Each structure stands twice: as C-alpha cells, then as structure tokens.
Amino acid sequence: MALTVILNGQSRSFDALEEAANLEQLVVELGLKGDRVAIEHNGEIAPRSQWAQTVLHGGDRLEVVHFVGGGV
C-alpha cells in the first residue's frame, strides 16, 4: 500500500514507499541529494542524523527545502 503524506502543502502518494518508511527513504524516492535538503516533519526540524530513524505515517506533514547553488 502506498504511503500518502502532505508534502509542501499538497497531498502526495508514493507507491514505492509503505507505512513505516523513513525520511531517508523519502529523500531517495524524491531523487534529492541528502546534503542539500532540509526537512520539517510535523512541525519539527528533522536533523539529518535522525532521518533513518524518523518513521513516516500516512498523513504526516512534511516541508522539504532543496538548496540550489548559483549566483552571479
């Protein structure tokens, strides 16, 4: 069964993830580089060192910010 979460304000389902997936797996599924991402999980900043231990449940609210390089 797919995991459905609220990601950056929108409901999103992940067929490749099931209940009890973790934040680290979500970052991989999103195709993001973990060293360029910050995640808020249910209103709390999730330390990168805890992503593998942070279990996701259906309906969790996530804000994911991906840092992009650039400049003048």
Protein backbone atom coordinates (compact mmCIF):
# COMPACT_ATOMS: atom_id res chain seq x y z
CA MET A 1 0.00 0.00 0.00
CA ALA A 2 1.33 3.43 -0.95
CA LEU A 3 2.39 5.99 1.62
CA THR A 4 0.45 9.26 1.39
CA VAL A 5 1.81 12.37 3.12
CA ILE A 6 1.26 16.12 2.90
CA LEU A 7 4.39 17.34 1.11
CA ASN A 8 4.92 21.09 0.90
CA GLY A 9 1.19 21.66 1.39
CA GLN A 10 -0.06 19.08 -1.13
CA SER A 11 -1.19 15.50 -0.67
CA ARG A 12 1.25 13.16 -2.38
CA SER A 13 1.33 9.37 -2.63
CA PHE A 14 4.46 7.29 -3.03
CA ASP A 15 3.80 3.83 -4.47
CA ALA A 16 7.36 2.70 -3.78
CA LEU A 17 7.09 3.57 -0.06
CA GLU A 18 4.93 1.87 2.55
CA GLU A 19 3.81 2.89 6.02
CA ALA A 20 6.83 2.94 8.33
CA ALA A 21 9.19 4.17 5.60
CA ASN A 22 11.69 6.71 6.92
CA LEU A 23 12.79 10.19 5.89
CA GLU A 24 16.00 8.88 4.33
CA GLN A 25 13.97 6.63 2.01
CA LEU A 26 11.70 9.54 1.11
CA VAL A 27 14.66 11.71 0.11
CA VAL A 28 15.92 8.91 -2.16
CA GLU A 29 12.43 8.46 -3.66
CA LEU A 30 12.27 12.20 -4.38
CA GLY A 31 15.63 11.95 -6.17
CA LEU A 32 17.25 14.57 -3.96
CA LYS A 33 20.78 14.75 -2.58
CA GLY A 34 20.56 14.49 1.20
CA ASP A 35 23.33 17.03 1.80
CA ARG A 36 21.27 19.72 0.04
CA VAL A 37 17.93 19.16 1.76
CA ALA A 38 16.27 20.34 4.96
CA ILE A 39 13.11 18.65 6.22
CA GLU A 40 10.43 19.72 8.66
CA HIS A 41 8.40 16.73 9.89
CA ASN A 42 5.08 17.50 11.58
CA GLY A 43 6.26 20.98 12.57
CA GLU A 44 9.71 20.00 13.84
CA ILE A 45 13.03 20.26 12.01
CA ALA A 46 14.31 16.73 11.44
CA PRO A 47 18.08 16.51 11.99
CA ARG A 48 19.78 14.75 9.07
CA SER A 49 21.44 12.39 11.55
CA GLN A 50 17.96 11.13 12.54
CA TRP A 51 16.41 10.65 9.08
CA ALA A 52 16.91 6.86 9.07
CA GLN A 53 15.19 6.60 12.48
CA THR A 54 12.34 9.01 11.67
CA VAL A 55 9.39 6.84 10.67
CA LEU A 56 6.70 8.23 8.38
CA HIS A 57 2.98 7.58 8.76
CA GLY A 58 0.12 8.34 6.41
CA GLY A 59 -0.98 11.96 6.77
CA ASP A 60 2.34 13.23 8.13
CA ARG A 61 3.08 16.83 7.17
CA LEU A 62 6.44 17.47 5.57
CA GLU A 63 8.12 20.60 4.30
CA VAL A 64 11.14 19.79 2.15
CA VAL A 65 13.51 22.51 1.06
CA HIS A 66 16.15 21.74 -1.58
CA PHE A 67 19.11 24.10 -1.68
CA VAL A 68 20.34 25.06 -5.12
CA GLY A 69 23.70 26.63 -5.93
CA GLY A 70 24.10 29.59 -8.19
CA GLY A 71 24.81 33.23 -8.17
CA VAL A 72 26.50 35.97 -10.02
